[in-house]
Amino acid sequence: MQKSTMTHWERIEAAVAGQALDRVPVSLWRHFPVIDLDPVKLAEASIHWQKTYDFDLVKFMSRGTYSVEDWGAVSAYHDSPIGTRVIAKPGLTSADAWPRLAKLNPNEGVLGGEVKALSLTAEALKGEVPILFTLFNPLTTAYKLAGDRLFADLRRHPDLVEAGLAIIAQTTIDFARACLKAGAHGLFYSTQMATYRLLNEAEHLRFGAHYDRLVLDALAGEAKFTMLHLHGNDVIFNQALDYPANMVNWHDRHTELNLAAAMSRFPGLLAGGIDQDALPTSSIAAIKAQVRDAIAQTKGRRLLIAPGCVVPIATPDAHYRAVLEAAAE
């Protein structure tokens, strides 16, 4: 096993730049269901998680519904294997409501609670490790807010939806700035909509990519790192991989684009290699084999060993340790 000679910051910065490393960096993340409703308890869980495994990067794990609850959406938890909440009641139920969305204060309500939890976590970790805060892109927030009616609205009432997306985008920018001020070093910019299963390319360009660039361009220079997360299968890679981000994360073990192929498609750091769905039940040998394969695909450069998405909450401690051990070999 190699001896670590770099700090977390040095390792991540070198990996982004494609420079030589003492070892490949690692970050794994999971939800903390029910706990994540309380800012203080969420901070405590986040701090404990990082101090237990000493990852090279912290993805701060807010509940996945935080971005829409201040607009009236109601969430519920039903013992999800990955710890996610679902929308039990949408916050928007008519097309004419899109332009009337309230302009939210990022330091109040549910958003304010997330800022508080992040601030407590950042204070405890003392800047020793980069922290990314999960920021949902405007179209994902619109989908969480309205559910499937979004697709009917954007095809029948596109101007109304775009008026709503403009409000959501500005709220997203304001919230991101509050998170950066609270101690985040970068953003985990998550889109669940950049997929052919939901939109065609023209629709994604108009309702997704356009507002993504508004947000990312507004925050350019303010975030040290921006990790783009492309959620799901059949991703519209030809649009999303051009976003202004220096890291990218996707379901590399489940999509047609693997790490090796992505090396020539994206100039920054590739975060992946771990099949999160299989992690709880795989053998230690199989887990380590995945890590070694990811390193082989990239020759250990521009790589962060990470899951394609959130890790199931039942994953044993030994499986997390196996990932760390394999990366340090």
Protein backbone atom coordinates (compact mmCIF):
# COMPACT_ATOMS: atom_id res chain seq x y z
CA MET A 1 0.00 0.00 0.00
CA GLN A 2 1.34 3.41 -0.98
CA LYS A 3 2.10 6.01 1.64
CA SER A 4 0.05 9.18 1.29
CA THR A 5 2.28 12.20 0.80
CA MET A 6 -0.29 14.74 -0.45
CA THR A 7 -3.09 16.57 1.35
CA HIS A 8 -6.68 16.16 0.19
CA TRP A 9 -6.52 19.55 -1.50
CA GLU A 10 -3.23 18.80 -3.24
CA ARG A 11 -4.54 15.43 -4.44
CA ILE A 12 -7.80 16.82 -5.84
CA GLU A 13 -6.15 19.82 -7.50
CA ALA A 14 -3.49 17.62 -9.08
CA ALA A 15 -6.12 15.14 -10.28
CA VAL A 16 -8.14 17.93 -11.92
CA ALA A 17 -4.99 19.14 -13.68
CA GLY A 18 -3.97 15.63 -14.78
CA GLN A 19 -0.77 15.73 -12.76
CA ALA A 20 1.08 12.92 -10.99
CA LEU A 21 -0.41 11.71 -7.70
CA ASP A 22 0.71 9.78 -4.66
CA ARG A 23 -2.52 7.78 -5.05
CA VAL A 24 -5.85 8.11 -6.80
CA PRO A 25 -8.34 10.21 -4.77
CA VAL A 26 -11.60 8.72 -3.45
CA SER A 27 -14.99 10.07 -2.45
CA LEU A 28 -18.15 8.11 -1.65
CA TRP A 29 -21.48 9.59 -0.61
CA ARG A 30 -24.79 8.45 0.87
CA HIS A 31 -27.99 10.03 2.18
CA PHE A 32 -28.86 10.34 5.87
CA PRO A 33 -32.65 9.85 5.79
CA VAL A 34 -34.84 11.49 8.46
CA ILE A 35 -31.69 12.95 10.03
CA ASP A 36 -31.44 15.21 6.99
CA LEU A 37 -34.57 17.10 8.08
CA ASP A 38 -32.65 18.66 11.00
CA PRO A 39 -29.75 20.99 10.06
CA VAL A 40 -27.77 20.28 13.23
CA LYS A 41 -28.18 16.49 12.99
CA LEU A 42 -27.35 16.53 9.28
CA ALA A 43 -24.16 18.45 10.02
CA GLU A 44 -23.24 15.98 12.77
CA ALA A 45 -23.80 13.02 10.42
CA SER A 46 -21.79 14.67 7.65
CA ILE A 47 -18.88 15.43 9.97
CA HIS A 48 -18.90 11.89 11.37
CA TRP A 49 -18.99 10.44 7.84
CA GLN A 50 -15.91 12.38 6.78
CA LYS A 51 -13.98 11.78 9.97
CA THR A 52 -14.71 8.04 9.71
CA TYR A 53 -13.45 7.55 6.15
CA ASP A 54 -11.25 10.61 5.50
CA PHE A 55 -12.35 10.98 1.88
CA ASP A 56 -10.52 13.35 -0.46
CA LEU A 57 -13.67 15.29 -1.28
CA VAL A 58 -16.94 15.77 0.60
CA LYS A 59 -20.19 15.81 -1.31
CA PHE A 60 -22.56 17.42 1.17
CA MET A 61 -25.69 15.25 1.24
CA SER A 62 -28.82 17.35 1.57
CA ARG A 63 -32.16 15.67 1.08
CA GLY A 64 -33.04 15.53 -2.59
CA THR A 65 -36.26 17.52 -2.20
CA TYR A 66 -34.84 20.60 -0.49
CA SER A 67 -34.99 22.77 -3.62
CA VAL A 68 -38.79 22.67 -3.96
CA GLU A 69 -40.16 22.56 -0.43
CA ASP A 70 -40.14 26.35 0.02
CA TRP A 71 -42.37 26.52 -3.08
CA GLY A 72 -44.96 24.31 -1.42
CA ALA A 73 -43.97 20.80 -2.45
CA VAL A 74 -44.42 18.24 0.32
CA SER A 75 -41.93 15.38 0.65
CA ALA A 76 -42.11 12.02 2.41
CA TYR A 77 -39.73 9.19 3.24
CA HIS A 78 -40.75 5.58 2.57
CA ASP A 79 -37.69 3.52 3.54
CA SER A 80 -35.90 3.97 0.22
CA PRO A 81 -32.82 1.73 -0.17
CA ILE A 82 -30.78 4.81 -1.06
CA GLY A 83 -32.34 7.07 1.55
CA THR A 84 -34.15 9.43 -0.82
CA ARG A 85 -37.41 11.22 -0.19
CA VAL A 86 -40.28 11.43 -2.67
CA ILE A 87 -42.63 14.27 -3.51
CA ALA A 88 -45.97 13.41 -1.89
CA LYS A 89 -47.66 16.62 -3.05
CA PRO A 90 -46.44 18.81 -5.92
CA GLY A 91 -45.85 22.49 -5.37
CA LEU A 92 -47.18 23.55 -8.77
CA THR A 93 -50.40 22.26 -10.30
CA SER A 94 -51.28 24.59 -13.19
CA ALA A 95 -49.40 26.03 -16.17
CA ASP A 96 -50.24 29.61 -15.27
CA ALA A 97 -48.45 29.19 -11.93
CA TRP A 98 -44.97 29.05 -13.50
CA PRO A 99 -44.53 32.84 -13.90
CA ARG A 100 -45.94 33.40 -10.41
CA LEU A 101 -43.29 31.44 -8.51
CA ALA A 102 -42.04 33.40 -5.53
CA LYS A 103 -38.48 34.70 -5.44
CA LEU A 104 -36.98 32.82 -2.50
CA ASN A 105 -34.51 34.09 0.10
CA PRO A 106 -31.70 31.49 0.30
CA ASN A 107 -31.17 32.18 4.00
CA GLU A 108 -34.76 31.45 5.04
CA GLY A 109 -36.99 28.39 5.21
CA VAL A 110 -35.75 25.01 4.01
CA LEU A 111 -33.00 26.63 1.94
CA GLY A 112 -31.79 28.49 5.02
CA GLY A 113 -31.67 25.22 6.95
CA GLU A 114 -29.43 23.70 4.29
CA VAL A 115 -27.11 26.71 4.45
CA LYS A 116 -26.95 26.32 8.24
CA ALA A 117 -26.14 22.59 8.04
CA LEU A 118 -23.43 23.25 5.48
CA SER A 119 -21.95 26.07 7.56
CA LEU A 120 -21.71 23.87 10.67
CA THR A 121 -20.07 21.10 8.64
CA ALA A 122 -17.56 23.41 6.99
CA GLU A 123 -16.63 24.96 10.32
CA ALA A 124 -15.94 21.55 11.86
CA LEU A 125 -13.87 20.29 8.89
CA LYS A 126 -11.72 23.44 9.04
CA GLY A 127 -11.03 23.67 5.33
CA GLU A 128 -8.97 20.47 5.33
CA VAL A 129 -10.98 18.87 2.51
CA PRO A 130 -12.89 20.32 -0.45
CA ILE A 131 -16.67 20.43 0.09
CA LEU A 132 -19.15 20.38 -2.81
CA PHE A 133 -22.76 21.34 -2.21
CA THR A 134 -25.43 19.65 -4.33
CA LEU A 135 -27.17 22.16 -6.58
CA PHE A 136 -30.04 20.89 -8.71
CA ASN A 137 -30.28 22.46 -12.14
CA PRO A 138 -33.40 24.56 -12.85
CA LEU A 139 -35.13 21.96 -15.02
CA THR A 140 -34.64 19.23 -12.40
CA THR A 141 -36.09 21.56 -9.78
CA ALA A 142 -39.03 22.27 -12.11
CA TYR A 143 -39.63 18.53 -12.46
CA LYS A 144 -39.47 17.96 -8.71
CA LEU A 145 -41.88 20.87 -8.26
CA ALA A 146 -44.50 19.93 -10.85
CA GLY A 147 -43.97 16.25 -11.61
CA ASP A 148 -44.89 14.83 -15.00
CA ARG A 149 -47.08 17.80 -15.88
CA LEU A 150 -43.82 19.63 -16.63
CA PHE A 151 -43.54 17.77 -19.95
CA ALA A 152 -47.04 18.71 -21.04
CA ASP A 153 -46.50 22.31 -19.98
CA LEU A 154 -43.19 22.78 -21.76
CA ARG A 155 -44.73 21.47 -24.99
CA ARG A 156 -48.10 23.26 -24.72
CA HIS A 157 -47.16 26.40 -22.76
CA PRO A 158 -43.39 26.84 -23.32
CA ASP A 159 -43.35 30.58 -22.59
CA LEU A 160 -44.97 30.06 -19.20
CA VAL A 161 -42.50 27.34 -18.28
CA GLU A 162 -39.58 29.50 -19.38
CA ALA A 163 -40.81 32.33 -17.15
CA GLY A 164 -40.79 29.89 -14.25
CA LEU A 165 -37.37 28.53 -15.17
CA ALA A 166 -35.95 32.06 -15.13
CA ILE A 167 -37.19 32.51 -11.55
CA ILE A 168 -35.85 29.09 -10.53
CA ALA A 169 -32.49 29.86 -12.16
CA GLN A 170 -32.08 33.11 -10.23
CA THR A 171 -33.06 31.38 -6.99
CA THR A 172 -30.50 28.66 -7.78
CA ILE A 173 -27.78 31.27 -8.32
CA ASP A 174 -28.64 33.10 -5.10
CA PHE A 175 -28.70 29.85 -3.14
CA ALA A 176 -25.37 28.71 -4.62
CA ARG A 177 -23.76 31.97 -3.54
CA ALA A 178 -25.12 31.54 -0.02
CA CYS A 179 -23.65 28.02 0.08
CA LEU A 180 -20.25 29.21 -1.14
CA LYS A 181 -20.30 31.96 1.48
CA ALA A 182 -21.21 29.36 4.13
CA GLY A 183 -18.12 27.28 3.41
CA ALA A 184 -18.65 25.17 0.28
CA HIS A 185 -15.66 25.18 -2.05
CA GLY A 186 -17.60 24.10 -5.08
CA LEU A 187 -20.81 22.74 -6.52
CA PHE A 188 -22.11 19.30 -7.37
CA TYR A 189 -24.33 20.48 -10.22
CA SER A 190 -26.92 17.78 -10.71
CA THR A 191 -29.23 17.34 -13.68
CA GLN A 192 -31.71 14.49 -13.87
CA MET A 193 -33.17 15.77 -17.14
CA ALA A 194 -30.33 15.48 -19.66
CA THR A 195 -31.59 12.18 -20.99
CA TYR A 196 -33.28 11.07 -24.20
CA ARG A 197 -35.74 9.13 -22.05
CA LEU A 198 -37.37 12.44 -21.08
CA LEU A 199 -36.46 15.04 -23.72
CA ASN A 200 -35.22 15.31 -27.28
CA GLU A 201 -32.14 17.41 -28.05
CA ALA A 202 -34.05 20.54 -29.06
CA GLU A 203 -36.14 20.43 -25.88
CA HIS A 204 -33.12 19.92 -23.68
CA LEU A 205 -31.24 22.73 -25.39
CA ARG A 206 -34.11 25.16 -24.83
CA PHE A 207 -35.34 24.19 -21.37
CA GLY A 208 -32.27 22.51 -19.88
CA ALA A 209 -28.93 23.61 -21.31
CA HIS A 210 -29.92 27.26 -21.75
CA TYR A 211 -30.70 27.70 -18.05
CA ASP A 212 -27.77 25.53 -16.98
CA ARG A 213 -25.44 27.93 -18.73
CA LEU A 214 -27.18 30.92 -17.14
CA VAL A 215 -26.48 29.43 -13.71
CA LEU A 216 -22.97 28.14 -14.38
CA ASP A 217 -21.84 31.31 -16.18
CA ALA A 218 -23.15 33.45 -13.32
CA LEU A 219 -21.12 31.42 -10.83
CA ALA A 220 -17.96 31.21 -12.94
CA GLY A 221 -14.97 32.14 -10.82
CA GLU A 222 -16.90 31.91 -7.56
CA ALA A 223 -16.70 28.12 -7.16
CA LYS A 224 -13.30 26.46 -6.97
CA PHE A 225 -14.73 23.22 -8.35
CA THR A 226 -17.86 22.42 -10.32
CA MET A 227 -18.73 18.74 -10.66
CA LEU A 228 -21.41 18.09 -13.25
CA HIS A 229 -23.60 15.11 -12.35
CA LEU A 230 -25.45 13.56 -15.29
CA HIS A 231 -28.10 11.35 -13.78
CA GLY A 232 -29.60 8.30 -15.44
CA ASN A 233 -29.22 6.40 -18.68
CA ASP A 234 -29.26 7.49 -22.33
CA VAL A 235 -27.67 10.82 -21.40
CA ILE A 236 -27.50 13.67 -23.91
CA PHE A 237 -23.72 13.73 -23.62
CA ASN A 238 -23.13 15.82 -26.75
CA GLN A 239 -24.69 18.85 -25.03
CA ALA A 240 -23.90 18.31 -21.36
CA LEU A 241 -20.19 17.54 -21.66
CA ASP A 242 -19.65 21.04 -23.07
CA TYR A 243 -20.80 22.71 -19.85
CA PRO A 244 -18.28 24.91 -17.98
CA ALA A 245 -17.28 22.37 -15.31
CA ASN A 246 -13.93 20.93 -14.26
CA MET A 247 -15.33 17.63 -12.98
CA VAL A 248 -17.97 15.24 -14.29
CA ASN A 249 -19.81 12.34 -12.65
CA TRP A 250 -22.25 9.96 -14.33
CA HIS A 251 -23.41 6.33 -14.18
CA ASP A 252 -20.29 5.15 -16.00
CA ARG A 253 -20.91 1.49 -15.13
CA HIS A 254 -24.43 1.63 -16.62
CA THR A 255 -24.16 3.90 -19.70
CA GLU A 256 -22.50 3.57 -23.09
CA LEU A 257 -19.79 6.08 -22.13
CA ASN A 258 -17.16 4.47 -19.91
CA LEU A 259 -14.22 6.17 -18.23
CA ALA A 260 -11.77 5.33 -21.01
CA ALA A 261 -14.00 6.83 -23.70
CA ALA A 262 -14.71 9.91 -21.59
CA MET A 263 -11.00 10.75 -21.34
CA SER A 264 -11.10 12.25 -24.83
CA ARG A 265 -14.59 13.76 -24.45
CA PHE A 266 -14.08 15.78 -21.26
CA PRO A 267 -10.87 17.65 -20.32
CA GLY A 268 -11.30 17.68 -16.54
CA LEU A 269 -11.59 15.16 -13.74
CA LEU A 270 -13.72 12.04 -14.21
CA ALA A 271 -15.55 10.90 -11.06
CA GLY A 272 -16.68 7.29 -11.22
CA GLY A 273 -15.64 3.67 -11.43
CA ILE A 274 -17.92 2.31 -8.69
CA ASP A 275 -21.24 0.60 -9.47
CA GLN A 276 -23.18 2.01 -6.55
CA ASP A 277 -26.09 -0.40 -7.01
CA ALA A 278 -23.84 -3.42 -6.61
CA LEU A 279 -21.65 -2.03 -3.83
CA PRO A 280 -23.70 -3.36 -0.87
CA THR A 281 -23.72 -6.98 -2.11
CA SER A 282 -20.47 -7.32 -4.07
CA SER A 283 -17.55 -9.28 -2.69
CA ILE A 284 -14.52 -7.42 -1.41
CA ALA A 285 -12.53 -8.84 -4.32
CA ALA A 286 -15.09 -7.60 -6.85
CA ILE A 287 -15.13 -4.12 -5.33
CA LYS A 288 -11.37 -3.87 -5.46
CA ALA A 289 -11.42 -5.15 -9.03
CA GLN A 290 -13.71 -2.28 -10.02
CA VAL A 291 -11.30 0.24 -8.52
CA ARG A 292 -8.35 -1.31 -10.32
CA ASP A 293 -10.30 -1.35 -13.59
CA ALA A 294 -11.15 2.35 -13.25
CA ILE A 295 -7.50 3.15 -12.67
CA ALA A 296 -6.50 1.03 -15.66
CA GLN A 297 -9.03 2.78 -17.92
CA THR A 298 -7.61 6.21 -17.07
CA LYS A 299 -4.01 5.26 -16.24
CA GLY A 300 -4.75 6.82 -12.87
CA ARG A 301 -4.91 10.36 -14.25
CA ARG A 302 -7.81 12.80 -14.02
CA LEU A 303 -9.72 10.27 -11.92
CA LEU A 304 -11.68 10.42 -8.68
CA ILE A 305 -12.88 6.99 -7.57
CA ALA A 306 -16.56 7.62 -6.89
CA PRO A 307 -20.01 6.09 -7.28
CA GLY A 308 -22.09 6.82 -10.36
CA CYS A 309 -24.77 8.09 -7.99
CA VAL A 310 -25.68 7.87 -4.31
CA VAL A 311 -24.62 4.69 -2.47
CA PRO A 312 -27.33 2.54 -0.81
CA ILE A 313 -27.56 3.13 2.92
CA ALA A 314 -27.18 -0.60 3.74
CA THR A 315 -23.63 -0.72 2.36
CA PRO A 316 -21.32 -2.37 4.94
CA ASP A 317 -18.38 -0.51 6.40
CA ALA A 318 -15.98 -3.14 5.00
CA HIS A 319 -17.09 -2.28 1.47
CA TYR A 320 -16.23 1.38 1.90
CA ARG A 321 -12.87 0.31 3.31
CA ALA A 322 -12.28 -1.95 0.33
CA VAL A 323 -12.62 0.99 -2.07
CA LEU A 324 -10.15 3.03 -0.05
CA GLU A 325 -7.70 0.15 0.22
CA ALA A 326 -7.75 -0.60 -3.50
CA ALA A 327 -7.16 3.06 -4.39
CA ALA A 328 -4.14 3.14 -2.08
CA GLU A 329 -2.49 0.00 -3.47
